Amino acid sequence: MFHGKSFQILPELRLLWQHEFLQNPTGFSSRLEGGHGASFDTSTVSPNRDSVFAGAGVSVRIGERWNGNVFYNANFDQQDNISHMVSIGVGSKF
């Protein structure tokens, strides 16, 4: 943590593992709008059971009232998919 008289900077690293216990593929039976014609069936894919999340960011507090943050997070799963997320926030105490 770095701080001066009127601000603080807090760097943060995140690493976590997630295991999905309950979700299984689900089947749906559908029909086009109007209900005419044959129905069709589809099912969801099996969810990824294990994922690793990693992230880094920084929070900044300016004085007693203002704060802000910027974070980057990535999700890596067993099927070689990677999803990315960037979040930015600003807050004020009143």
PDB file of N, CA and C in Angstrom:
ATOM      1  N   MET A   1       0.848  -1.172   0.000  1.00  0.00           N
ATOM      2  CA  MET A   1       0.000   0.000   0.000  1.00  0.00           C
ATOM      3  C   MET A   1       0.894   1.234   0.000  1.00  0.00           C
ATOM      4  N   PHE A   2       0.621   2.136  -0.908  1.00  0.00           N
ATOM      5  CA  PHE A   2       1.328   3.402  -0.983  1.00  0.00           C
ATOM      6  C   PHE A   2       0.370   4.485  -0.519  1.00  0.00           C
ATOM      7  N   HIS A   3       0.852   5.410   0.279  1.00  0.00           N
ATOM      8  CA  HIS A   3      -0.062   6.467   0.704  1.00  0.00           C
ATOM      9  C   HIS A   3       0.688   7.757   0.958  1.00  0.00           C
ATOM     10  N   GLY A   4      -0.032   8.808   0.747  1.00  0.00           N
ATOM     11  CA  GLY A   4       0.453  10.142   1.038  1.00  0.00           C
ATOM     12  C   GLY A   4      -0.535  10.791   1.977  1.00  0.00           C
ATOM     13  N   LYS A   5      -0.418  12.083   2.109  1.00  0.00           N
ATOM     14  CA  LYS A   5      -1.290  12.796   3.026  1.00  0.00           C
ATOM     15  C   LYS A   5      -2.744  12.781   2.558  1.00  0.00           C
ATOM     16  N   SER A   6      -2.972  12.829   1.241  1.00  0.00           N
ATOM     17  CA  SER A   6      -4.349  12.945   0.763  1.00  0.00           C
ATOM     18  C   SER A   6      -4.804  11.780  -0.108  1.00  0.00           C
ATOM     19  N   PHE A   7      -3.968  10.759  -0.326  1.00  0.00           N
ATOM     20  CA  PHE A   7      -4.417   9.633  -1.145  1.00  0.00           C
ATOM     21  C   PHE A   7      -3.733   8.330  -0.729  1.00  0.00           C
ATOM     22  N   GLN A   8      -4.382   7.213  -1.101  1.00  0.00           N
ATOM     23  CA  GLN A   8      -3.843   5.875  -0.891  1.00  0.00           C
ATOM     24  C   GLN A   8      -3.990   5.094  -2.183  1.00  0.00           C
ATOM     25  N   ILE A   9      -2.991   4.284  -2.518  1.00  0.00           N
ATOM     26  CA  ILE A   9      -3.048   3.390  -3.667  1.00  0.00           C
ATOM     27  C   ILE A   9      -2.884   1.969  -3.137  1.00  0.00           C
ATOM     28  N   LEU A  10      -3.853   1.110  -3.468  1.00  0.00           N
ATOM     29  CA  LEU A  10      -3.836  -0.276  -2.992  1.00  0.00           C
ATOM     30  C   LEU A  10      -3.828  -1.222  -4.183  1.00  0.00           C
ATOM     31  N   PRO A  11      -2.675  -1.805  -4.546  1.00  0.00           N
ATOM     32  CA  PRO A  11      -2.651  -2.807  -5.615  1.00  0.00           C
ATOM     33  C   PRO A  11      -3.223  -4.132  -5.107  1.00  0.00           C
ATOM     34  N   GLU A  12      -3.789  -4.918  -6.029  1.00  0.00           N
ATOM     35  CA  GLU A  12      -4.405  -6.180  -5.638  1.00  0.00           C
ATOM     36  C   GLU A  12      -4.190  -7.220  -6.728  1.00  0.00           C
ATOM     37  N   LEU A  13      -3.845  -8.432  -6.328  1.00  0.00           N
ATOM     38  CA  LEU A  13      -3.759  -9.588  -7.218  1.00  0.00           C
ATOM     39  C   LEU A  13      -4.750 -10.630  -6.745  1.00  0.00           C
ATOM     40  N   ARG A  14      -5.401 -11.311  -7.696  1.00  0.00           N
ATOM     41  CA  ARG A  14      -6.391 -12.332  -7.353  1.00  0.00           C
ATOM     42  C   ARG A  14      -6.087 -13.611  -8.120  1.00  0.00           C
ATOM     43  N   LEU A  15      -6.273 -14.745  -7.475  1.00  0.00           N
ATOM     44  CA  LEU A  15      -6.159 -16.041  -8.128  1.00  0.00           C
ATOM     45  C   LEU A  15      -7.082 -16.991  -7.376  1.00  0.00           C
ATOM     46  N   LEU A  16      -8.025 -17.613  -8.097  1.00  0.00           N
ATOM     47  CA  LEU A  16      -8.918 -18.545  -7.453  1.00  0.00           C
ATOM     48  C   LEU A  16      -9.320 -19.648  -8.409  1.00  0.00           C
ATOM     49  N   TRP A  17      -9.752 -20.744  -7.837  1.00  0.00           N
ATOM     50  CA  TRP A  17     -10.193 -21.911  -8.592  1.00  0.00           C
ATOM     51  C   TRP A  17     -11.664 -22.132  -8.265  1.00  0.00           C
ATOM     52  N   GLN A  18     -12.447 -22.497  -9.271  1.00  0.00           N
ATOM     53  CA  GLN A  18     -13.874 -22.767  -9.080  1.00  0.00           C
ATOM     54  C   GLN A  18     -14.211 -24.134  -9.645  1.00  0.00           C
ATOM     55  N   HIS A  19     -14.936 -24.927  -8.871  1.00  0.00           N
ATOM     56  CA  HIS A  19     -15.424 -26.229  -9.332  1.00  0.00           C
ATOM     57  C   HIS A  19     -16.947 -26.217  -9.315  1.00  0.00           C
ATOM     58  N   GLU A  20     -17.572 -26.574 -10.416  1.00  0.00           N
ATOM     59  CA  GLU A  20     -19.028 -26.619 -10.537  1.00  0.00           C
ATOM     60  C   GLU A  20     -19.517 -28.007 -10.149  1.00  0.00           C
ATOM     61  N   PHE A  21     -20.312 -28.096  -9.086  1.00  0.00           N
ATOM     62  CA  PHE A  21     -20.814 -29.371  -8.606  1.00  0.00           C
ATOM     63  C   PHE A  21     -22.185 -29.728  -9.165  1.00  0.00           C
ATOM     64  N   LEU A  22     -23.073 -28.753  -9.354  1.00  0.00           N
ATOM     65  CA  LEU A  22     -24.479 -29.056  -9.570  1.00  0.00           C
ATOM     66  C   LEU A  22     -24.981 -28.938 -10.997  1.00  0.00           C
ATOM     67  N   GLN A  23     -24.433 -28.084 -11.820  1.00  0.00           N
ATOM     68  CA  GLN A  23     -24.987 -27.857 -13.150  1.00  0.00           C
ATOM     69  C   GLN A  23     -24.736 -29.045 -14.065  1.00  0.00           C
ATOM     70  N   ASN A  24     -25.782 -29.485 -14.736  1.00  0.00           N
ATOM     71  CA  ASN A  24     -25.697 -30.547 -15.730  1.00  0.00           C
ATOM     72  C   ASN A  24     -26.371 -30.058 -17.005  1.00  0.00           C
ATOM     73  N   PRO A  25     -26.157 -30.731 -18.136  1.00  0.00           N
ATOM     74  CA  PRO A  25     -26.847 -30.310 -19.359  1.00  0.00           C
ATOM     75  C   PRO A  25     -28.365 -30.381 -19.161  1.00  0.00           C
ATOM     76  N   THR A  26     -29.081 -29.464 -19.804  1.00  0.00           N
ATOM     77  CA  THR A  26     -30.532 -29.391 -19.695  1.00  0.00           C
ATOM     78  C   THR A  26     -31.144 -29.470 -21.082  1.00  0.00           C
ATOM     79  N   GLY A  27     -32.207 -30.238 -21.236  1.00  0.00           N
ATOM     80  CA  GLY A  27     -32.889 -30.358 -22.519  1.00  0.00           C
ATOM     81  C   GLY A  27     -34.104 -29.449 -22.592  1.00  0.00           C
ATOM     82  N   PHE A  28     -34.389 -28.912 -23.790  1.00  0.00           N
ATOM     83  CA  PHE A  28     -35.541 -28.050 -24.021  1.00  0.00           C
ATOM     84  C   PHE A  28     -36.306 -28.552 -25.230  1.00  0.00           C
ATOM     85  N   SER A  29     -37.616 -28.481 -25.152  1.00  0.00           N
ATOM     86  CA  SER A  29     -38.465 -28.759 -26.298  1.00  0.00           C
ATOM     87  C   SER A  29     -39.107 -27.443 -26.695  1.00  0.00           C
ATOM     88  N   SER A  30     -39.001 -27.051 -27.973  1.00  0.00           N
ATOM     89  CA  SER A  30     -39.453 -25.731 -28.419  1.00  0.00           C
ATOM     90  C   SER A  30     -40.320 -25.853 -29.657  1.00  0.00           C
ATOM     91  N   ARG A  31     -41.052 -24.776 -29.920  1.00  0.00           N
ATOM     92  CA  ARG A  31     -41.891 -24.672 -31.105  1.00  0.00           C
ATOM     93  C   ARG A  31     -41.838 -23.219 -31.539  1.00  0.00           C
ATOM     94  N   LEU A  32     -41.795 -22.951 -32.822  1.00  0.00           N
ATOM     95  CA  LEU A  32     -41.743 -21.578 -33.308  1.00  0.00           C
ATOM     96  C   LEU A  32     -42.997 -20.814 -32.885  1.00  0.00           C
ATOM     97  N   GLU A  33     -42.888 -19.484 -32.840  1.00  0.00           N
ATOM     98  CA  GLU A  33     -43.994 -18.640 -32.426  1.00  0.00           C
ATOM     99  C   GLU A  33     -45.244 -18.934 -33.254  1.00  0.00           C
ATOM    100  N   GLY A  34     -46.375 -18.969 -32.612  1.00  0.00           N
ATOM    101  CA  GLY A  34     -47.623 -19.308 -33.278  1.00  0.00           C
ATOM    102  C   GLY A  34     -48.024 -20.747 -33.032  1.00  0.00           C
ATOM    103  N   GLY A  35     -47.073 -21.588 -32.638  1.00  0.00           N
ATOM    104  CA  GLY A  35     -47.370 -22.960 -32.300  1.00  0.00           C
ATOM    105  C   GLY A  35     -47.658 -23.877 -33.468  1.00  0.00           C
ATOM    106  N   HIS A  36     -47.438 -23.431 -34.683  1.00  0.00           N
ATOM    107  CA  HIS A  36     -47.699 -24.274 -35.856  1.00  0.00           C
ATOM    108  C   HIS A  36     -46.419 -24.982 -36.272  1.00  0.00           C
ATOM    109  N   GLY A  37     -46.531 -26.176 -36.706  1.00  0.00           N
ATOM    110  CA  GLY A  37     -45.366 -26.924 -37.160  1.00  0.00           C
ATOM    111  C   GLY A  37     -44.840 -27.836 -36.079  1.00  0.00           C
ATOM    112  N   ALA A  38     -43.827 -28.574 -36.454  1.00  0.00           N
ATOM    113  CA  ALA A  38     -43.251 -29.563 -35.547  1.00  0.00           C
ATOM    114  C   ALA A  38     -42.426 -28.891 -34.456  1.00  0.00           C
ATOM    115  N   SER A  39     -42.366 -29.523 -33.309  1.00  0.00           N
ATOM    116  CA  SER A  39     -41.499 -29.032 -32.240  1.00  0.00           C
ATOM    117  C   SER A  39     -40.081 -29.542 -32.494  1.00  0.00           C
ATOM    118  N   PHE A  40     -39.127 -28.918 -31.848  1.00  0.00           N
ATOM    119  CA  PHE A  40     -37.736 -29.377 -31.960  1.00  0.00           C
ATOM    120  C   PHE A  40     -37.106 -29.363 -30.584  1.00  0.00           C
ATOM    121  N   ASP A  41     -36.169 -30.252 -30.400  1.00  0.00           N
ATOM    122  CA  ASP A  41     -35.507 -30.403 -29.112  1.00  0.00           C
ATOM    123  C   ASP A  41     -34.060 -29.950 -29.222  1.00  0.00           C
ATOM    124  N   THR A  42     -33.579 -29.382 -28.158  1.00  0.00           N
ATOM    125  CA  THR A  42     -32.176 -28.980 -28.069  1.00  0.00           C
ATOM    126  C   THR A  42     -31.735 -29.131 -26.621  1.00  0.00           C
ATOM    127  N   SER A  43     -30.455 -29.189 -26.402  1.00  0.00           N
ATOM    128  CA  SER A  43     -29.963 -29.263 -25.023  1.00  0.00           C
ATOM    129  C   SER A  43     -28.743 -28.375 -24.879  1.00  0.00           C
ATOM    130  N   THR A  44     -28.510 -27.949 -23.654  1.00  0.00           N
ATOM    131  CA  THR A  44     -27.348 -27.124 -23.358  1.00  0.00           C
ATOM    132  C   THR A  44     -26.098 -27.999 -23.330  1.00  0.00           C
ATOM    133  N   VAL A  45     -24.958 -27.391 -23.443  1.00  0.00           N
ATOM    134  CA  VAL A  45     -23.708 -28.146 -23.355  1.00  0.00           C
ATOM    135  C   VAL A  45     -23.385 -28.420 -21.892  1.00  0.00           C
ATOM    136  N   SER A  46     -22.561 -29.404 -21.668  1.00  0.00           N
ATOM    137  CA  SER A  46     -22.100 -29.677 -20.303  1.00  0.00           C
ATOM    138  C   SER A  46     -21.239 -28.509 -19.847  1.00  0.00           C
ATOM    139  N   PRO A  47     -21.478 -28.014 -18.658  1.00  0.00           N
ATOM    140  CA  PRO A  47     -20.680 -26.880 -18.181  1.00  0.00           C
ATOM    141  C   PRO A  47     -19.247 -27.314 -17.884  1.00  0.00           C
ATOM    142  N   ASN A  48     -18.365 -26.363 -17.927  1.00  0.00           N
ATOM    143  CA  ASN A  48     -16.984 -26.629 -17.533  1.00  0.00           C
ATOM    144  C   ASN A  48     -16.963 -26.838 -16.025  1.00  0.00           C
ATOM    145  N   ARG A  49     -16.395 -27.924 -15.602  1.00  0.00           N
ATOM    146  CA  ARG A  49     -16.394 -28.249 -14.175  1.00  0.00           C
ATOM    147  C   ARG A  49     -15.347 -27.468 -13.388  1.00  0.00           C
ATOM    148  N   ASP A  50     -14.219 -27.147 -14.012  1.00  0.00           N
ATOM    149  CA  ASP A  50     -13.155 -26.447 -13.308  1.00  0.00           C
ATOM    150  C   ASP A  50     -12.718 -25.225 -14.094  1.00  0.00           C
ATOM    151  N   SER A  51     -12.546 -24.123 -13.395  1.00  0.00           N
ATOM    152  CA  SER A  51     -12.078 -22.876 -13.996  1.00  0.00           C
ATOM    153  C   SER A  51     -11.078 -22.221 -13.058  1.00  0.00           C
ATOM    154  N   VAL A  52     -10.154 -21.474 -13.634  1.00  0.00           N
ATOM    155  CA  VAL A  52      -9.206 -20.669 -12.869  1.00  0.00           C
ATOM    156  C   VAL A  52      -9.471 -19.211 -13.212  1.00  0.00           C
ATOM    157  N   PHE A  53      -9.591 -18.386 -12.192  1.00  0.00           N
ATOM    158  CA  PHE A  53      -9.779 -16.953 -12.362  1.00  0.00           C
ATOM    159  C   PHE A  53      -8.520 -16.245 -11.876  1.00  0.00           C
ATOM    160  N   ALA A  54      -8.034 -15.293 -12.652  1.00  0.00           N
ATOM    161  CA  ALA A  54      -6.872 -14.499 -12.264  1.00  0.00           C
ATOM    162  C   ALA A  54      -7.184 -13.042 -12.540  1.00  0.00           C
ATOM    163  N   GLY A  55      -6.669 -12.160 -11.712  1.00  0.00           N
ATOM    164  CA  GLY A  55      -6.942 -10.750 -11.917  1.00  0.00           C
ATOM    165  C   GLY A  55      -5.927  -9.868 -11.221  1.00  0.00           C
ATOM    166  N   ALA A  56      -5.915  -8.633 -11.653  1.00  0.00           N
ATOM    167  CA  ALA A  56      -5.045  -7.627 -11.056  1.00  0.00           C
ATOM    168  C   ALA A  56      -5.741  -6.282 -11.163  1.00  0.00           C
ATOM    169  N   GLY A  57      -5.448  -5.425 -10.223  1.00  0.00           N
ATOM    170  CA  GLY A  57      -6.058  -4.106 -10.277  1.00  0.00           C
ATOM    171  C   GLY A  57      -5.484  -3.191  -9.223  1.00  0.00           C
ATOM    172  N   VAL A  58      -6.045  -2.015  -9.199  1.00  0.00           N
ATOM    173  CA  VAL A  58      -5.599  -1.016  -8.242  1.00  0.00           C
ATOM    174  C   VAL A  58      -6.805  -0.209  -7.766  1.00  0.00           C
ATOM    175  N   SER A  59      -6.833   0.059  -6.470  1.00  0.00           N
ATOM    176  CA  SER A  59      -7.838   0.942  -5.886  1.00  0.00           C
ATOM    177  C   SER A  59      -7.123   2.196  -5.396  1.00  0.00           C
ATOM    178  N   VAL A  60      -7.783   3.313  -5.550  1.00  0.00           N
ATOM    179  CA  VAL A  60      -7.208   4.592  -5.143  1.00  0.00           C
ATOM    180  C   VAL A  60      -8.212   5.307  -4.241  1.00  0.00           C
ATOM    181  N   ARG A  61      -7.762   5.750  -3.094  1.00  0.00           N
ATOM    182  CA  ARG A  61      -8.607   6.565  -2.212  1.00  0.00           C
ATOM    183  C   ARG A  61      -8.019   7.960  -2.181  1.00  0.00           C
ATOM    184  N   ILE A  62      -8.855   8.941  -2.482  1.00  0.00           N
ATOM    185  CA  ILE A  62      -8.421  10.337  -2.521  1.00  0.00           C
ATOM    186  C   ILE A  62      -9.145  11.077  -1.406  1.00  0.00           C
ATOM    187  N   GLY A  63      -8.395  11.500  -0.418  1.00  0.00           N
ATOM    188  CA  GLY A  63      -8.998  12.157   0.733  1.00  0.00           C
ATOM    189  C   GLY A  63      -9.889  11.200   1.502  1.00  0.00           C
ATOM    190  N   GLU A  64     -10.807  11.737   2.271  1.00  0.00           N
ATOM    191  CA  GLU A  64     -11.728  10.942   3.061  1.00  0.00           C
ATOM    192  C   GLU A  64     -12.989  10.577   2.295  1.00  0.00           C
ATOM    193  N   ARG A  65     -13.214  11.201   1.140  1.00  0.00           N
ATOM    194  CA  ARG A  65     -14.508  11.082   0.482  1.00  0.00           C
ATOM    195  C   ARG A  65     -14.513  10.299  -0.823  1.00  0.00           C
ATOM    196  N   TRP A  66     -13.480  10.371  -1.634  1.00  0.00           N
ATOM    197  CA  TRP A  66     -13.498   9.803  -2.995  1.00  0.00           C
ATOM    198  C   TRP A  66     -12.649   8.549  -3.103  1.00  0.00           C
ATOM    199  N   ASN A  67     -13.097   7.624  -3.958  1.00  0.00           N
ATOM    200  CA  ASN A  67     -12.305   6.435  -4.251  1.00  0.00           C
ATOM    201  C   ASN A  67     -12.597   5.987  -5.677  1.00  0.00           C
ATOM    202  N   GLY A  68     -11.676   5.237  -6.226  1.00  0.00           N
ATOM    203  CA  GLY A  68     -11.829   4.700  -7.573  1.00  0.00           C
ATOM    204  C   GLY A  68     -11.049   3.408  -7.703  1.00  0.00           C
ATOM    205  N   ASN A  69     -11.365   2.623  -8.729  1.00  0.00           N
ATOM    206  CA  ASN A  69     -10.635   1.388  -8.933  1.00  0.00           C
ATOM    207  C   ASN A  69     -10.688   0.984 -10.400  1.00  0.00           C
ATOM    208  N   VAL A  70      -9.678   0.214 -10.790  1.00  0.00           N
ATOM    209  CA  VAL A  70      -9.593  -0.380 -12.121  1.00  0.00           C
ATOM    210  C   VAL A  70      -9.108  -1.808 -11.924  1.00  0.00           C
ATOM    211  N   PHE A  71      -9.840  -2.775 -12.500  1.00  0.00           N
ATOM    212  CA  PHE A  71      -9.472  -4.181 -12.363  1.00  0.00           C
ATOM    213  C   PHE A  71      -9.563  -4.891 -13.707  1.00  0.00           C
ATOM    214  N   TYR A  72      -8.676  -5.829 -13.911  1.00  0.00           N
ATOM    215  CA  TYR A  72      -8.714  -6.735 -15.064  1.00  0.00           C
ATOM    216  C   TYR A  72      -8.831  -8.147 -14.513  1.00  0.00           C
ATOM    217  N   ASN A  73      -9.773  -8.932 -15.045  1.00  0.00           N
ATOM    218  CA  ASN A  73      -9.959 -10.323 -14.627  1.00  0.00           C
ATOM    219  C   ASN A  73     -10.029 -11.215 -15.854  1.00  0.00           C
ATOM    220  N   ALA A  74      -9.478 -12.412 -15.747  1.00  0.00           N
ATOM    221  CA  ALA A  74      -9.538 -13.400 -16.823  1.00  0.00           C
ATOM    222  C   ALA A  74      -9.999 -14.727 -16.229  1.00  0.00           C
ATOM    223  N   ASN A  75     -10.802 -15.460 -17.007  1.00  0.00           N
ATOM    224  CA  ASN A  75     -11.301 -16.770 -16.605  1.00  0.00           C
ATOM    225  C   ASN A  75     -10.771 -17.791 -17.607  1.00  0.00           C
ATOM    226  N   PHE A  76     -10.030 -18.778 -17.126  1.00  0.00           N
ATOM    227  CA  PHE A  76      -9.456 -19.835 -17.952  1.00  0.00           C
ATOM    228  C   PHE A  76     -10.162 -21.132 -17.612  1.00  0.00           C
ATOM    229  N   ASP A  77     -10.751 -21.823 -18.604  1.00  0.00           N
ATOM    230  CA  ASP A  77     -11.410 -23.087 -18.310  1.00  0.00           C
ATOM    231  C   ASP A  77     -10.705 -24.244 -19.001  1.00  0.00           C
ATOM    232  N   GLN A  78     -11.221 -25.466 -18.786  1.00  0.00           N
ATOM    233  CA  GLN A  78     -10.575 -26.672 -19.307  1.00  0.00           C
ATOM    234  C   GLN A  78     -10.732 -26.833 -20.813  1.00  0.00           C
ATOM    235  N   GLN A  79     -11.601 -26.090 -21.445  1.00  0.00           N
ATOM    236  CA  GLN A  79     -11.822 -26.232 -22.879  1.00  0.00           C
ATOM    237  C   GLN A  79     -11.099 -25.142 -23.663  1.00  0.00           C
ATOM    238  N   ASP A  80     -10.031 -24.608 -23.105  1.00  0.00           N
ATOM    239  CA  ASP A  80      -9.199 -23.584 -23.741  1.00  0.00           C
ATOM    240  C   ASP A  80      -9.955 -22.316 -24.077  1.00  0.00           C
ATOM    241  N   ASN A  81     -11.015 -22.015 -23.348  1.00  0.00           N
ATOM    242  CA  ASN A  81     -11.714 -20.748 -23.489  1.00  0.00           C
ATOM    243  C   ASN A  81     -11.147 -19.762 -22.484  1.00  0.00           C
ATOM    244  N   ILE A  82     -11.013 -18.512 -22.895  1.00  0.00           N
ATOM    245  CA  ILE A  82     -10.576 -17.459 -21.991  1.00  0.00           C
ATOM    246  C   ILE A  82     -11.553 -16.301 -22.135  1.00  0.00           C
ATOM    247  N   SER A  83     -12.106 -15.847 -21.032  1.00  0.00           N
ATOM    248  CA  SER A  83     -12.947 -14.660 -21.066  1.00  0.00           C
ATOM    249  C   SER A  83     -12.239 -13.552 -20.284  1.00  0.00           C
ATOM    250  N   HIS A  84     -12.370 -12.337 -20.768  1.00  0.00           N
ATOM    251  CA  HIS A  84     -11.698 -11.182 -20.180  1.00  0.00           C
ATOM    252  C   HIS A  84     -12.735 -10.181 -19.686  1.00  0.00           C
ATOM    253  N   MET A  85     -12.420  -9.485 -18.603  1.00  0.00           N
ATOM    254  CA  MET A  85     -13.300  -8.446 -18.095  1.00  0.00           C
ATOM    255  C   MET A  85     -12.456  -7.315 -17.517  1.00  0.00           C
ATOM    256  N   VAL A  86     -12.836  -6.095 -17.844  1.00  0.00           N
ATOM    257  CA  VAL A  86     -12.232  -4.905 -17.265  1.00  0.00           C
ATOM    258  C   VAL A  86     -13.332  -4.148 -16.565  1.00  0.00           C
ATOM    259  N   SER A  87     -13.095  -3.767 -15.308  1.00  0.00           N
ATOM    260  CA  SER A  87     -14.083  -2.978 -14.578  1.00  0.00           C
ATOM    261  C   SER A  87     -13.429  -1.721 -14.045  1.00  0.00           C
ATOM    262  N   ILE A  88     -14.205  -0.641 -14.058  1.00  0.00           N
ATOM    263  CA  ILE A  88     -13.761   0.656 -13.574  1.00  0.00           C
ATOM    264  C   ILE A  88     -14.855   1.181 -12.655  1.00  0.00           C
ATOM    265  N   GLY A  89     -14.466   1.678 -11.502  1.00  0.00           N
ATOM    266  CA  GLY A  89     -15.451   2.193 -10.560  1.00  0.00           C
ATOM    267  C   GLY A  89     -15.004   3.490  -9.923  1.00  0.00           C
ATOM    268  N   VAL A  90     -15.986   4.303  -9.564  1.00  0.00           N
ATOM    269  CA  VAL A  90     -15.743   5.563  -8.858  1.00  0.00           C
ATOM    270  C   VAL A  90     -16.786   5.638  -7.752  1.00  0.00           C
ATOM    271  N   GLY A  91     -16.383   6.074  -6.565  1.00  0.00           N
ATOM    272  CA  GLY A  91     -17.312   6.182  -5.453  1.00  0.00           C
ATOM    273  C   GLY A  91     -17.068   7.409  -4.619  1.00  0.00           C
ATOM    274  N   SER A  92     -18.085   7.733  -3.834  1.00  0.00           N
ATOM    275  CA  SER A  92     -17.995   8.880  -2.935  1.00  0.00           C
ATOM    276  C   SER A  92     -18.755   8.577  -1.665  1.00  0.00           C
ATOM    277  N   LYS A  93     -18.206   8.965  -0.531  1.00  0.00           N
ATOM    278  CA  LYS A  93     -18.900   8.844   0.745  1.00  0.00           C
ATOM    279  C   LYS A  93     -19.594  10.166   1.040  1.00  0.00           C
ATOM    280  N   PHE A  94     -20.825  10.065   1.485  1.00  0.00           N
ATOM    281  CA  PHE A  94     -21.529  11.299   1.860  1.00  0.00           C
ATOM    282  C   PHE A  94     -22.378  11.069   3.089  1.00  0.00           C
TER     283      PHE A  94
END
